[in-house]
Amino acid sequence: MNAKRISLLGGVFTLLATISLMAAGPTYTVLHAFAGGSDGAALWGSLVLDAHGNAYGTTFQGGPNGGGTVFELSPQSNGTWVYSLVFGFVGGTSGEPGGSTAGLIFDPSGNLYGTTGYGGTSGYGTVFELTPGLGSWSLNVLYNFPLPGGGCCPYGGVARDRAGNLFGNADWTFELSPSSVGWTATVLHQFPAYSGDADGALAAPILGPGGNIYGITEGGGANGQGAVYLLHPTASGWDEYLLHSLGAFTYDGKKGSLGALAMDASGALYGTTNQGGRYTCVDVGCGVVFKLARDSSGKWKYSILHNFTPGAAGNGPGAGVTLDAAGNLYGTTFYGGSKTCGCGVVYKLPPTVSGPWKYTVLHQFLGVDGAQPDANLVIDKAGNLYGTTATGGAGGYGVAFQVTP
């Protein structure tokens, strides 16, 4: 994990549970401010919503056993949210999973799946399943890393296909397939650490039509600045295609973010880079939002939708973007925003009939209400946004939040 993301803020923040930006504007609400210790700390992954509107997430640290947590936040009729512990990881040398930086996913039966970046029988992380029961959840470790031949310590979560197979990145892209005797791991693609191939696939992959897998990397590619890639299944294995090597021109984005790509109904891809772009922030580019779509000839066309800037509008997105039904993009930045904090922002990027996409800041983090968001947002049926911050909040250990645009 990038060290500057982990240790920007310290101390204790002491105010605010809810902030309204303006009477007719977006409303920001802290659903839970984490207090460290048994409550959990350091939220690096996205939330996931169930059919009843409950939100589930992970913490990298804290919890009753000190190895991080899985938690649930449940909305109440009076507008408040109630926190409950789903599971406390142990980690360390115990052989148990510990320390998740990833979001979770549900299957149709209501089971949760996720990853941990350390712990497990070899200490290199796990893929796990949590099954709900009467008053508690049961943990089932599906796989202990490393992968066959190498590959370990997953940062992002997993994707699931209709057959129940799980796909993720742990240096290499892998598939976990269920069977009557357990789960089998298959390495689909190795990312060599050299220019010309993608490298550093940390974000969770997404699944597309035809069984294709899409993702983004921090490094590698033709220019050594990361790449957007496609893995296509064939009878003899998986073929890799680089859809765009970042850093291809002067103001191109560089260093793909740690958040998963988004795909619209037409198959176009959307993502972010945390460096590069037209403007400079602290000696590096401020980052961009980009789109990749097939043109009339079937070739992939890359375009930049937004260049982040220094200051109040936010910059350095650590996470990707999320799409709503109308085609609007939503995301967060790790830096910029408030002059007193520079703790990041929540933004909206809607398309226009003609010309550039229009960028709007929905919320500037102030530290006391959370700081340094580093995970993709999720959207409910009413259009409300939900997210997490790695630090900040009343206890200084991160928050789960809601934004009503």
Protein backbone atom coordinates (compact mmCIF):
# COMPACT_ATOMS: atom_id res chain seq x y z
CA MET A 1 0.00 0.00 0.00
CA ASN A 2 1.25 3.50 -0.78
CA ALA A 3 2.80 4.85 2.44
CA LYS A 4 1.79 8.47 1.82
CA ARG A 5 -1.86 7.33 1.72
CA ILE A 6 -1.61 5.62 5.08
CA SER A 7 0.02 8.30 7.22
CA LEU A 8 -1.12 11.73 6.09
CA LEU A 9 -3.34 12.44 9.05
CA GLY A 10 -2.95 11.68 12.71
CA GLY A 11 -4.43 12.87 15.93
CA VAL A 12 -8.02 12.99 16.96
CA PHE A 13 -10.76 14.92 15.19
CA THR A 14 -13.60 16.00 17.43
CA LEU A 15 -16.70 17.40 15.74
CA LEU A 16 -19.48 16.82 13.25
CA ALA A 17 -21.52 13.78 12.47
CA THR A 18 -23.56 15.42 9.70
CA ILE A 19 -22.82 18.30 7.35
CA SER A 20 -25.26 19.94 4.97
CA LEU A 21 -23.49 21.89 2.26
CA MET A 22 -26.43 24.15 1.45
CA ALA A 23 -30.20 24.06 1.78
CA ALA A 24 -30.86 22.99 -1.78
CA GLY A 25 -27.52 21.31 -2.42
CA PRO A 26 -25.98 17.93 -1.67
CA THR A 27 -26.27 16.61 1.88
CA TYR A 28 -23.35 14.83 3.51
CA THR A 29 -23.91 12.47 6.44
CA VAL A 30 -21.45 10.48 8.52
CA LEU A 31 -23.05 7.06 9.05
CA HIS A 32 -20.38 5.90 11.49
CA ALA A 33 -17.11 7.42 12.72
CA PHE A 34 -14.67 4.66 13.61
CA ALA A 35 -12.97 4.91 16.98
CA GLY A 36 -10.09 2.48 16.55
CA GLY A 37 -9.52 -0.33 19.00
CA SER A 38 -12.34 -2.86 19.01
CA ASP A 39 -14.39 -0.61 16.72
CA GLY A 40 -12.00 -0.95 13.78
CA ALA A 41 -9.81 1.53 11.90
CA ALA A 42 -8.55 2.42 8.42
CA LEU A 43 -11.21 1.95 5.72
CA TRP A 44 -9.61 1.39 2.32
CA GLY A 45 -12.40 -0.57 0.63
CA SER A 46 -15.83 0.24 -0.83
CA LEU A 47 -19.14 -0.43 0.86
CA VAL A 48 -21.67 -2.88 -0.54
CA LEU A 49 -25.46 -2.62 -0.08
CA ASP A 50 -27.88 -5.49 0.44
CA ALA A 51 -31.51 -5.61 -0.74
CA HIS A 52 -32.69 -3.96 2.49
CA GLY A 53 -30.34 -0.98 2.26
CA ASN A 54 -27.85 -2.20 4.85
CA ALA A 55 -24.23 -1.33 4.11
CA TYR A 56 -21.29 -3.69 4.67
CA GLY A 57 -17.59 -2.91 4.65
CA THR A 58 -14.16 -3.76 6.01
CA THR A 59 -11.48 -2.15 8.15
CA PHE A 60 -7.79 -2.90 7.77
CA GLN A 61 -6.98 -2.58 11.46
CA GLY A 62 -8.63 -2.82 14.86
CA GLY A 63 -11.60 -4.92 15.85
CA PRO A 64 -11.91 -7.27 18.82
CA ASN A 65 -8.91 -9.34 17.68
CA GLY A 66 -6.80 -6.51 16.25
CA GLY A 67 -6.71 -7.87 12.68
CA GLY A 68 -9.42 -5.72 11.10
CA THR A 69 -13.15 -6.24 10.76
CA VAL A 70 -16.16 -6.78 8.57
CA PHE A 71 -19.02 -4.53 9.72
CA GLU A 72 -22.66 -3.77 8.97
CA LEU A 73 -24.46 -0.40 9.08
CA SER A 74 -28.27 -0.55 9.23
CA PRO A 75 -30.57 2.43 8.54
CA GLN A 76 -33.19 3.22 11.19
CA SER A 77 -36.60 4.85 10.85
CA ASN A 78 -35.35 8.00 12.63
CA GLY A 79 -32.61 8.56 10.06
CA THR A 80 -29.72 7.20 12.14
CA TRP A 81 -27.56 4.19 11.29
CA VAL A 82 -26.66 1.40 13.70
CA TYR A 83 -23.20 -0.20 13.60
CA SER A 84 -22.72 -3.90 14.26
CA LEU A 85 -19.71 -6.17 14.00
CA VAL A 86 -20.03 -8.98 11.47
CA PHE A 87 -16.59 -10.54 12.00
CA GLY A 88 -13.28 -9.69 13.66
CA PHE A 89 -10.14 -10.93 11.90
CA VAL A 90 -7.10 -12.16 13.82
CA GLY A 91 -4.28 -12.19 11.28
CA GLY A 92 -0.67 -12.12 12.39
CA THR A 93 0.96 -15.52 12.86
CA SER A 94 -2.28 -17.23 13.86
CA GLY A 95 -3.00 -18.63 10.41
CA GLU A 96 -6.31 -16.74 10.38
CA PRO A 97 -7.16 -14.05 7.79
CA GLY A 98 -6.42 -10.46 8.71
CA GLY A 99 -6.27 -6.99 7.28
CA SER A 100 -8.64 -6.26 4.38
CA THR A 101 -8.16 -3.25 2.11
CA ALA A 102 -10.91 -4.47 -0.22
CA GLY A 103 -14.63 -4.08 -0.61
CA LEU A 104 -17.06 -6.99 -0.42
CA ILE A 105 -19.54 -8.58 -2.82
CA PHE A 106 -22.75 -10.58 -2.29
CA ASP A 107 -23.91 -13.74 -4.01
CA PRO A 108 -27.65 -14.38 -4.62
CA SER A 109 -27.87 -16.34 -1.35
CA GLY A 110 -26.65 -13.41 0.75
CA ASN A 111 -23.12 -14.70 1.37
CA LEU A 112 -20.29 -12.15 1.43
CA TYR A 113 -16.95 -12.59 -0.35
CA GLY A 114 -13.75 -10.63 0.09
CA THR A 115 -9.97 -10.73 0.41
CA THR A 116 -7.37 -10.03 3.07
CA GLY A 117 -3.91 -8.75 2.25
CA TYR A 118 -2.13 -10.76 4.93
CA GLY A 119 -2.78 -13.63 7.31
CA GLY A 120 -3.87 -17.10 6.33
CA THR A 121 -1.80 -20.25 6.59
CA SER A 122 1.20 -18.74 4.75
CA GLY A 123 0.74 -15.13 5.84
CA TYR A 124 0.15 -13.89 2.29
CA GLY A 125 -3.57 -13.21 2.50
CA THR A 126 -6.79 -15.05 1.74
CA VAL A 127 -10.05 -15.11 -0.17
CA PHE A 128 -12.90 -15.65 2.29
CA GLU A 129 -16.65 -16.20 2.45
CA LEU A 130 -18.96 -15.10 5.26
CA THR A 131 -22.27 -16.94 5.56
CA PRO A 132 -25.14 -15.46 7.62
CA GLY A 133 -26.69 -17.58 10.36
CA LEU A 134 -28.87 -17.16 13.42
CA GLY A 135 -27.35 -14.13 15.10
CA SER A 136 -23.83 -14.58 13.68
CA TRP A 137 -21.81 -15.08 10.53
CA SER A 138 -19.59 -18.07 9.77
CA LEU A 139 -16.16 -17.62 8.16
CA ASN A 140 -14.98 -19.98 5.44
CA VAL A 141 -11.48 -19.42 4.03
CA LEU A 142 -11.75 -20.35 0.35
CA TYR A 143 -8.09 -19.88 -0.53
CA ASN A 144 -4.77 -19.16 1.17
CA PHE A 145 -2.21 -17.32 -0.98
CA PRO A 146 0.29 -17.53 -2.64
CA LEU A 147 -1.04 -18.61 -6.02
CA PRO A 148 0.54 -21.55 -7.85
CA GLY A 149 3.97 -20.28 -8.89
CA GLY A 150 3.64 -16.99 -6.96
CA GLY A 151 1.30 -14.04 -6.62
CA CYS A 152 0.05 -12.94 -3.23
CA CYS A 153 -1.32 -10.31 -0.93
CA PRO A 154 -4.44 -9.04 -2.73
CA TYR A 155 -5.26 -5.36 -2.33
CA GLY A 156 -8.58 -5.30 -4.22
CA GLY A 157 -11.63 -7.52 -3.91
CA VAL A 158 -13.10 -10.16 -6.18
CA ALA A 159 -15.71 -10.29 -8.96
CA ARG A 160 -18.18 -13.19 -9.32
CA ASP A 161 -19.67 -14.68 -12.49
CA ARG A 162 -23.06 -16.42 -12.80
CA ALA A 163 -21.49 -19.83 -12.32
CA GLY A 164 -20.12 -18.78 -8.93
CA ASN A 165 -16.46 -18.48 -9.98
CA LEU A 166 -14.46 -15.68 -8.34
CA PHE A 167 -11.89 -13.49 -10.12
CA GLY A 168 -9.31 -11.20 -8.58
CA ASN A 169 -5.80 -9.77 -8.71
CA ALA A 170 -2.94 -10.73 -6.42
CA ASP A 171 -0.03 -9.47 -8.54
CA TRP A 172 -1.45 -11.91 -11.13
CA THR A 173 -5.06 -12.34 -12.25
CA PHE A 174 -6.62 -15.49 -10.80
CA GLU A 175 -9.84 -17.49 -10.88
CA LEU A 176 -11.25 -19.50 -7.98
CA SER A 177 -13.66 -22.25 -8.99
CA PRO A 178 -15.91 -24.13 -6.53
CA SER A 179 -16.11 -27.91 -6.56
CA SER A 180 -17.27 -30.74 -4.33
CA VAL A 181 -13.81 -30.92 -2.72
CA GLY A 182 -13.15 -27.21 -2.25
CA TRP A 183 -11.98 -24.28 -4.33
CA THR A 184 -9.35 -24.49 -7.05
CA ALA A 185 -7.11 -21.57 -7.98
CA THR A 186 -6.04 -20.97 -11.58
CA VAL A 187 -3.64 -18.25 -12.69
CA LEU A 188 -5.17 -16.59 -15.76
CA HIS A 189 -2.39 -14.11 -16.44
CA GLN A 190 0.98 -13.15 -14.98
CA PHE A 191 1.93 -9.47 -15.16
CA PRO A 192 5.73 -9.34 -15.72
CA ALA A 193 7.45 -6.30 -14.25
CA TYR A 194 8.81 -4.85 -17.48
CA SER A 195 7.80 -2.17 -19.94
CA GLY A 196 5.55 -3.43 -22.70
CA ASP A 197 3.22 -5.44 -20.49
CA ALA A 198 0.92 -4.17 -17.78
CA ASP A 199 2.30 -4.43 -14.24
CA GLY A 200 0.94 -3.84 -10.75
CA ALA A 201 -2.65 -5.07 -11.13
CA LEU A 202 -3.95 -4.09 -7.70
CA ALA A 203 -7.53 -2.97 -8.43
CA ALA A 204 -10.25 -5.60 -8.58
CA PRO A 205 -11.05 -6.72 -12.14
CA ILE A 206 -14.49 -6.34 -13.70
CA LEU A 207 -16.26 -8.89 -15.89
CA GLY A 208 -17.67 -8.01 -19.30
CA PRO A 209 -19.55 -9.67 -22.17
CA GLY A 210 -18.07 -12.82 -23.64
CA GLY A 211 -16.31 -13.72 -20.41
CA ASN A 212 -13.77 -10.92 -20.88
CA ILE A 213 -11.96 -9.46 -17.88
CA TYR A 214 -10.98 -5.78 -17.71
CA GLY A 215 -8.65 -3.97 -15.34
CA ILE A 216 -6.12 -1.20 -14.78
CA THR A 217 -2.56 -1.23 -13.46
CA GLU A 218 -0.27 1.22 -11.69
CA GLY A 219 2.80 0.36 -13.75
CA GLY A 220 4.03 -1.28 -16.91
CA GLY A 221 2.51 -0.76 -20.32
CA ALA A 222 4.37 0.62 -23.31
CA ASN A 223 5.40 3.73 -21.36
CA GLY A 224 5.94 2.27 -17.91
CA GLN A 225 3.07 4.35 -16.49
CA GLY A 226 0.34 1.72 -16.22
CA ALA A 227 -2.24 0.39 -18.64
CA VAL A 228 -5.87 -0.57 -19.16
CA TYR A 229 -6.00 -4.22 -20.15
CA LEU A 230 -8.40 -6.85 -21.45
CA LEU A 231 -8.07 -10.59 -20.82
CA HIS A 232 -9.97 -12.69 -23.37
CA PRO A 233 -10.66 -16.42 -22.86
CA THR A 234 -9.68 -18.81 -25.65
CA ALA A 235 -9.56 -22.57 -26.01
CA SER A 236 -5.85 -22.55 -25.16
CA GLY A 237 -5.84 -20.00 -22.34
CA TRP A 238 -6.25 -16.26 -21.88
CA ASP A 239 -4.98 -13.61 -24.29
CA GLU A 240 -4.01 -10.18 -22.99
CA TYR A 241 -4.69 -6.98 -24.93
CA LEU A 242 -3.52 -3.54 -23.81
CA LEU A 243 -6.40 -1.22 -24.64
CA HIS A 244 -4.37 1.86 -23.70
CA SER A 245 -0.90 2.36 -22.28
CA LEU A 246 -1.01 5.36 -19.96
CA GLY A 247 1.48 8.18 -20.49
CA ALA A 248 1.05 7.90 -24.27
CA PHE A 249 1.13 11.65 -24.86
CA THR A 250 2.19 14.82 -23.07
CA TYR A 251 -0.90 15.35 -20.91
CA ASP A 252 -2.06 11.77 -20.65
CA GLY A 253 -2.93 10.25 -17.29
CA LYS A 254 -0.31 8.17 -15.48
CA LYS A 255 -0.42 5.52 -12.76
CA GLY A 256 -3.82 3.85 -12.76
CA SER A 257 -5.83 4.29 -9.57
CA LEU A 258 -6.51 1.47 -7.12
CA GLY A 259 -10.25 1.48 -7.83
CA ALA A 260 -11.99 -0.85 -10.27
CA LEU A 261 -13.05 0.36 -13.72
CA ALA A 262 -16.70 1.11 -14.51
CA MET A 263 -18.51 -0.15 -17.63
CA ASP A 264 -21.67 1.31 -19.19
CA ALA A 265 -24.38 -0.51 -21.15
CA SER A 266 -22.52 0.02 -24.44
CA GLY A 267 -19.35 -1.59 -23.09
CA ALA A 268 -17.41 1.67 -22.71
CA LEU A 269 -14.93 1.78 -19.82
CA TYR A 270 -14.33 4.62 -17.36
CA GLY A 271 -11.51 5.06 -14.88
CA THR A 272 -9.03 7.41 -13.24
CA THR A 273 -5.30 7.92 -12.85
CA ASN A 274 -3.76 9.43 -9.74
CA GLN A 275 -0.99 11.20 -11.66
CA GLY A 276 -0.50 12.80 -15.05
CA GLY A 277 -2.87 15.15 -16.83
CA ARG A 278 -2.61 18.80 -17.78
CA TYR A 279 -2.01 20.28 -14.33
CA THR A 280 0.72 19.77 -11.72
CA CYS A 281 0.18 18.98 -8.03
CA VAL A 282 3.17 18.63 -5.69
CA ASP A 283 5.62 17.92 -8.54
CA VAL A 284 3.42 15.31 -10.27
CA GLY A 285 0.34 15.50 -12.46
CA CYS A 286 -2.98 15.92 -10.64
CA GLY A 287 -4.62 12.96 -12.41
CA VAL A 288 -7.45 12.49 -14.91
CA VAL A 289 -10.80 10.80 -15.52
CA PHE A 290 -10.78 8.88 -18.81
CA LYS A 291 -13.07 6.92 -21.13
CA LEU A 292 -12.29 4.01 -23.45
CA ALA A 293 -14.90 3.10 -26.07
CA ARG A 294 -14.94 1.21 -29.35
CA ASP A 295 -15.31 3.35 -32.47
CA SER A 296 -17.21 2.38 -35.63
CA SER A 297 -14.28 0.23 -36.79
CA GLY A 298 -14.14 -1.69 -33.52
CA LYS A 299 -10.93 -0.05 -32.32
CA TRP A 300 -10.67 1.28 -28.78
CA LYS A 301 -10.61 5.07 -28.56
CA TYR A 302 -9.18 6.74 -25.44
CA SER A 303 -10.32 10.20 -24.31
CA ILE A 304 -9.80 12.34 -21.23
CA LEU A 305 -13.05 13.56 -19.67
CA HIS A 306 -11.54 15.66 -16.88
CA ASN A 307 -8.15 16.97 -15.76
CA PHE A 308 -7.92 17.40 -11.99
CA THR A 309 -6.47 20.68 -10.73
CA PRO A 310 -4.65 21.90 -7.62
CA GLY A 311 -6.77 23.34 -4.83
CA ALA A 312 -10.45 23.35 -3.98
CA ALA A 313 -11.73 21.04 -6.73
CA GLY A 314 -9.69 18.08 -5.50
CA ASN A 315 -6.93 16.04 -7.12
CA GLY A 316 -5.09 12.74 -6.98
CA PRO A 317 -7.97 10.27 -7.20
CA GLY A 318 -7.04 7.07 -5.43
CA ALA A 319 -10.30 5.42 -6.44
CA GLY A 320 -12.15 4.86 -9.70
CA VAL A 321 -15.55 6.17 -10.75
CA THR A 322 -19.11 4.88 -10.37
CA LEU A 323 -21.88 5.25 -12.98
CA ASP A 324 -25.55 5.96 -12.36
CA ALA A 325 -28.42 5.04 -14.69
CA ALA A 326 -28.27 8.45 -16.40
CA GLY A 327 -24.58 8.09 -17.29
CA ASN A 328 -23.26 10.47 -14.61
CA LEU A 329 -19.91 9.61 -13.07
CA TYR A 330 -19.17 9.95 -9.35
CA GLY A 331 -15.87 9.65 -7.53
CA THR A 332 -13.53 10.94 -4.85
CA THR A 333 -10.07 12.47 -4.67
CA PHE A 334 -7.45 11.74 -2.03
CA TYR A 335 -6.04 15.27 -1.97
CA GLY A 336 -7.22 18.85 -2.46
CA GLY A 337 -10.51 20.39 -1.41
CA SER A 338 -10.59 22.44 1.77
CA LYS A 339 -7.68 24.87 2.24
CA THR A 340 -7.46 23.97 5.92
CA CYS A 341 -7.21 20.24 5.33
CA GLY A 342 -6.60 19.14 1.74
CA CYS A 343 -8.43 15.94 2.67
CA GLY A 344 -10.10 15.26 -0.67
CA VAL A 345 -13.56 15.71 -2.19
CA VAL A 346 -16.59 13.87 -3.55
CA TYR A 347 -17.32 14.90 -7.13
CA LYS A 348 -19.88 14.45 -9.90
CA LEU A 349 -19.04 14.39 -13.60
CA PRO A 350 -22.13 14.44 -15.84
CA PRO A 351 -21.95 14.25 -19.64
CA THR A 352 -23.10 17.20 -21.74
CA VAL A 353 -24.86 17.30 -25.09
CA SER A 354 -21.73 18.76 -26.65
CA GLY A 355 -18.38 19.83 -25.30
CA PRO A 356 -16.53 18.78 -22.15
CA TRP A 357 -18.10 16.95 -19.22
CA LYS A 358 -19.09 19.27 -16.37
CA TYR A 359 -17.22 18.70 -13.09
CA THR A 360 -18.96 19.55 -9.79
CA VAL A 361 -17.73 19.16 -6.22
CA LEU A 362 -20.43 17.63 -4.01
CA HIS A 363 -18.46 17.68 -0.77
CA GLN A 364 -15.11 18.84 0.57
CA PHE A 365 -13.77 16.76 3.45
CA LEU A 366 -12.75 18.77 6.51
CA GLY A 367 -10.98 16.11 8.55
CA VAL A 368 -13.56 16.18 11.33
CA ASP A 369 -16.04 14.51 8.95
CA GLY A 370 -13.55 12.13 7.35
CA ALA A 371 -10.41 12.43 5.26
CA GLN A 372 -8.59 10.73 2.38
CA PRO A 373 -11.31 8.67 0.66
CA ASP A 374 -9.63 5.90 -1.33
CA ALA A 375 -12.40 3.55 -2.50
CA ASN A 376 -15.05 3.57 -5.22
CA LEU A 377 -18.46 4.95 -4.29
CA VAL A 378 -21.65 2.87 -4.52
CA ILE A 379 -25.12 4.12 -5.47
CA ASP A 380 -28.52 2.98 -4.15
CA LYS A 381 -31.80 2.91 -6.09
CA ALA A 382 -32.66 6.43 -4.91
CA GLY A 383 -29.38 7.83 -6.23
CA ASN A 384 -27.69 8.26 -2.84
CA LEU A 385 -23.92 7.74 -2.76
CA TYR A 386 -22.08 5.74 -0.09
CA GLY A 387 -18.36 5.66 0.62
CA THR A 388 -15.55 5.41 3.12
CA THR A 389 -12.53 7.43 4.20
CA ALA A 390 -9.23 5.99 5.35
CA THR A 391 -8.74 8.50 8.17
CA GLY A 392 -10.49 11.41 9.86
CA GLY A 393 -13.81 11.57 11.63
CA ALA A 394 -14.52 12.05 15.32
CA GLY A 395 -12.01 9.39 16.32
CA GLY A 396 -9.51 9.96 13.52
CA TYR A 397 -9.77 6.40 12.21
CA GLY A 398 -12.02 6.87 9.19
CA VAL A 399 -15.76 7.06 8.49
CA ALA A 400 -18.53 5.53 6.41
CA PHE A 401 -20.59 8.28 4.77
CA GLN A 402 -23.61 9.04 2.60
CA VAL A 403 -24.01 11.87 0.06
CA THR A 404 -27.47 12.77 -1.23
CA PRO A 405 -26.75 14.70 -4.47
